[in-house]
Amino acid sequence: MIRGRAMRTFSSIASFLALCLLALGVYIIKEEFANPIAAQSIALLTAAFVLATGVTLLAYLIPPRSSVWRDNSAQPPLISLDWVEWAAENPPPDSTEQRTDLPYQRWYVDPARIPPR
């Protein structure tokens, strides 16, 4: 099993960044409420953007509950009956036939550009 996934490698840095973004957003909004007359409108937009980025990053870091993945009773079937009927009517081609227009053979002729001889 590969243990060096991106989530495992960078989760501590990303969680620190998410908490810093949340703290910065809360601080900016707190300053907006503390001094509403001196507040600028761009500060509120910045705080909203910083908070949204922090919450989004935090949502990606929190793993889903395992019970959500175990309950597959509400999931539709992976193979529909239409596909099964189509597959029964159209069997795969015979594998003994050899194709002659494959690009890794001796030369390749593209029928869209050069008509085959």
C-alpha atoms as a PDB file:
ATOM      1  CA  MET A   1       0.000   0.000   0.000  1.00  0.00           C
ATOM      2  CA  ILE A   2       1.301   3.433  -0.888  1.00  0.00           C
ATOM      3  CA  ARG A   3       1.559   5.545   2.233  1.00  0.00           C
ATOM      4  CA  GLY A   4       2.919   8.743   0.690  1.00  0.00           C
ATOM      5  CA  ARG A   5      -0.372  10.162  -0.550  1.00  0.00           C
ATOM      6  CA  ALA A   6      -0.846  13.916  -0.789  1.00  0.00           C
ATOM      7  CA  MET A   7      -3.476  13.974   1.960  1.00  0.00           C
ATOM      8  CA  ARG A   8      -1.224  12.054   4.323  1.00  0.00           C
ATOM      9  CA  THR A   9       1.799  14.170   3.472  1.00  0.00           C
ATOM     10  CA  PHE A  10       0.304  17.654   3.544  1.00  0.00           C
ATOM     11  CA  SER A  11      -2.635  17.286   5.954  1.00  0.00           C
ATOM     12  CA  SER A  12      -0.787  18.827   8.898  1.00  0.00           C
ATOM     13  CA  ILE A  13       0.300  21.849   6.840  1.00  0.00           C
ATOM     14  CA  ALA A  14      -3.156  22.205   5.293  1.00  0.00           C
ATOM     15  CA  SER A  15      -4.905  21.969   8.665  1.00  0.00           C
ATOM     16  CA  PHE A  16      -2.607  24.665  10.064  1.00  0.00           C
ATOM     17  CA  LEU A  17      -3.339  26.832   7.019  1.00  0.00           C
ATOM     18  CA  ALA A  18      -7.095  26.242   7.388  1.00  0.00           C
ATOM     19  CA  LEU A  19      -7.039  27.228  11.045  1.00  0.00           C
ATOM     20  CA  CYS A  20      -4.949  30.313  10.248  1.00  0.00           C
ATOM     21  CA  LEU A  21      -7.402  31.345   7.535  1.00  0.00           C
ATOM     22  CA  LEU A  22     -10.347  30.864   9.882  1.00  0.00           C
ATOM     23  CA  ALA A  23      -8.629  32.870  12.620  1.00  0.00           C
ATOM     24  CA  LEU A  24      -7.751  35.656  10.169  1.00  0.00           C
ATOM     25  CA  GLY A  25     -11.324  35.809   8.869  1.00  0.00           C
ATOM     26  CA  VAL A  26     -12.760  35.957  12.383  1.00  0.00           C
ATOM     27  CA  TYR A  27     -10.242  38.654  13.335  1.00  0.00           C
ATOM     28  CA  ILE A  28     -11.137  40.812  10.329  1.00  0.00           C
ATOM     29  CA  ILE A  29     -14.864  40.495  11.031  1.00  0.00           C
ATOM     30  CA  LYS A  30     -14.263  41.260  14.727  1.00  0.00           C
ATOM     31  CA  GLU A  31     -12.461  44.463  13.712  1.00  0.00           C
ATOM     32  CA  GLU A  32     -15.377  45.318  11.409  1.00  0.00           C
ATOM     33  CA  PHE A  33     -17.815  45.072  14.323  1.00  0.00           C
ATOM     34  CA  ALA A  34     -15.481  46.885  16.715  1.00  0.00           C
ATOM     35  CA  ASN A  35     -15.098  49.950  14.461  1.00  0.00           C
ATOM     36  CA  PRO A  36     -18.070  50.049  12.093  1.00  0.00           C
ATOM     37  CA  ILE A  37     -17.590  53.710  11.128  1.00  0.00           C
ATOM     38  CA  ALA A  38     -13.926  53.322  10.140  1.00  0.00           C
ATOM     39  CA  ALA A  39     -14.576  49.974   8.431  1.00  0.00           C
ATOM     40  CA  GLN A  40     -14.024  49.563   4.718  1.00  0.00           C
ATOM     41  CA  SER A  41     -16.283  47.481   2.506  1.00  0.00           C
ATOM     42  CA  ILE A  42     -13.350  45.604   0.971  1.00  0.00           C
ATOM     43  CA  ALA A  43     -12.412  44.271   4.414  1.00  0.00           C
ATOM     44  CA  LEU A  44     -15.768  42.509   4.723  1.00  0.00           C
ATOM     45  CA  LEU A  45     -15.367  40.928   1.294  1.00  0.00           C
ATOM     46  CA  THR A  46     -11.823  39.864   2.164  1.00  0.00           C
ATOM     47  CA  ALA A  47     -13.004  38.335   5.429  1.00  0.00           C
ATOM     48  CA  ALA A  48     -15.763  36.435   3.631  1.00  0.00           C
ATOM     49  CA  PHE A  49     -13.303  35.107   1.054  1.00  0.00           C
ATOM     50  CA  VAL A  50     -10.756  34.092   3.692  1.00  0.00           C
ATOM     51  CA  LEU A  51     -13.413  32.355   5.805  1.00  0.00           C
ATOM     52  CA  ALA A  52     -14.849  30.525   2.800  1.00  0.00           C
ATOM     53  CA  THR A  53     -11.386  29.343   1.768  1.00  0.00           C
ATOM     54  CA  GLY A  54     -10.606  28.146   5.286  1.00  0.00           C
ATOM     55  CA  VAL A  55     -13.903  26.298   5.656  1.00  0.00           C
ATOM     56  CA  THR A  56     -13.508  24.667   2.237  1.00  0.00           C
ATOM     57  CA  LEU A  57      -9.990  23.526   3.064  1.00  0.00           C
ATOM     58  CA  LEU A  58     -11.147  22.201   6.418  1.00  0.00           C
ATOM     59  CA  ALA A  59     -14.020  20.329   4.766  1.00  0.00           C
ATOM     60  CA  TYR A  60     -11.567  18.562   2.461  1.00  0.00           C
ATOM     61  CA  LEU A  61      -9.405  17.565   5.405  1.00  0.00           C
ATOM     62  CA  ILE A  62     -12.176  15.980   7.475  1.00  0.00           C
ATOM     63  CA  PRO A  63     -12.647  12.354   6.347  1.00  0.00           C
ATOM     64  CA  PRO A  64     -16.211  11.138   5.674  1.00  0.00           C
ATOM     65  CA  ARG A  65     -17.961   8.897   8.158  1.00  0.00           C
ATOM     66  CA  SER A  66     -17.489   5.225   7.446  1.00  0.00           C
ATOM     67  CA  SER A  67     -21.221   4.509   7.899  1.00  0.00           C
ATOM     68  CA  VAL A  68     -21.999   6.613   4.847  1.00  0.00           C
ATOM     69  CA  TRP A  69     -19.926   4.311   2.654  1.00  0.00           C
ATOM     70  CA  ARG A  70     -21.271   1.074   4.119  1.00  0.00           C
ATOM     71  CA  ASP A  71     -24.953   1.785   3.451  1.00  0.00           C
ATOM     72  CA  ASN A  72     -25.340   0.963  -0.235  1.00  0.00           C
ATOM     73  CA  SER A  73     -29.015   0.014  -0.083  1.00  0.00           C
ATOM     74  CA  ALA A  74     -30.175   3.337  -1.543  1.00  0.00           C
ATOM     75  CA  GLN A  75     -27.682   3.234  -4.423  1.00  0.00           C
ATOM     76  CA  PRO A  76     -28.994   2.368  -7.899  1.00  0.00           C
ATOM     77  CA  PRO A  77     -27.511  -0.708  -9.547  1.00  0.00           C
ATOM     78  CA  LEU A  78     -24.266  -0.144 -11.395  1.00  0.00           C
ATOM     79  CA  ILE A  79     -25.408  -2.038 -14.499  1.00  0.00           C
ATOM     80  CA  SER A  80     -28.752  -1.126 -15.974  1.00  0.00           C
ATOM     81  CA  LEU A  81     -30.886  -3.618 -17.836  1.00  0.00           C
ATOM     82  CA  ASP A  82     -30.615  -1.556 -21.017  1.00  0.00           C
ATOM     83  CA  TRP A  83     -26.882  -2.115 -21.060  1.00  0.00           C
ATOM     84  CA  VAL A  84     -27.288  -5.854 -20.423  1.00  0.00           C
ATOM     85  CA  GLU A  85     -29.739  -6.131 -23.329  1.00  0.00           C
ATOM     86  CA  TRP A  86     -27.435  -4.130 -25.608  1.00  0.00           C
ATOM     87  CA  ALA A  87     -24.462  -6.309 -24.657  1.00  0.00           C
ATOM     88  CA  ALA A  88     -26.465  -9.462 -25.411  1.00  0.00           C
ATOM     89  CA  GLU A  89     -27.454  -8.130 -28.852  1.00  0.00           C
ATOM     90  CA  ASN A  90     -23.938  -6.857 -29.692  1.00  0.00           C
ATOM     91  CA  PRO A  91     -21.301  -9.403 -28.698  1.00  0.00           C
ATOM     92  CA  PRO A  92     -17.649  -8.326 -28.775  1.00  0.00           C
ATOM     93  CA  PRO A  93     -15.779  -8.893 -32.041  1.00  0.00           C
ATOM     94  CA  ASP A  94     -13.888 -12.075 -32.616  1.00  0.00           C
ATOM     95  CA  SER A  95     -10.400 -11.745 -31.161  1.00  0.00           C
ATOM     96  CA  THR A  96      -8.798 -13.955 -33.816  1.00  0.00           C
ATOM     97  CA  GLU A  97      -9.122 -11.257 -36.490  1.00  0.00           C
ATOM     98  CA  GLN A  98      -5.961  -9.179 -36.927  1.00  0.00           C
ATOM     99  CA  ARG A  99      -6.290  -5.460 -37.576  1.00  0.00           C
ATOM    100  CA  THR A 100      -4.097  -3.977 -40.240  1.00  0.00           C
ATOM    101  CA  ASP A 101      -4.528  -0.278 -39.443  1.00  0.00           C
ATOM    102  CA  LEU A 102      -2.831  -0.101 -36.071  1.00  0.00           C
ATOM    103  CA  PRO A 103      -0.313   2.725 -35.546  1.00  0.00           C
ATOM    104  CA  TYR A 104       2.428   0.531 -34.063  1.00  0.00           C
ATOM    105  CA  GLN A 105       2.748  -1.603 -37.175  1.00  0.00           C
ATOM    106  CA  ARG A 106       5.356  -0.963 -39.874  1.00  0.00           C
ATOM    107  CA  TRP A 107       3.682   2.217 -41.175  1.00  0.00           C
ATOM    108  CA  TYR A 108       0.496   4.043 -40.421  1.00  0.00           C
ATOM    109  CA  VAL A 109      -1.794   5.548 -43.029  1.00  0.00           C
ATOM    110  CA  ASP A 110      -4.347   7.997 -41.745  1.00  0.00           C
ATOM    111  CA  PRO A 111      -7.418   7.592 -43.959  1.00  0.00           C
ATOM    112  CA  ALA A 112      -8.507  11.160 -43.229  1.00  0.00           C
ATOM    113  CA  ARG A 113      -5.366  12.672 -44.786  1.00  0.00           C
ATOM    114  CA  ILE A 114      -3.926  10.149 -47.232  1.00  0.00           C
ATOM    115  CA  PRO A 115      -6.197   7.693 -48.980  1.00  0.00           C
ATOM    116  CA  PRO A 116      -4.995   4.111 -48.487  1.00  0.00           C
ATOM    117  CA  ARG A 117      -3.521   2.398 -51.568  1.00  0.00           C
END
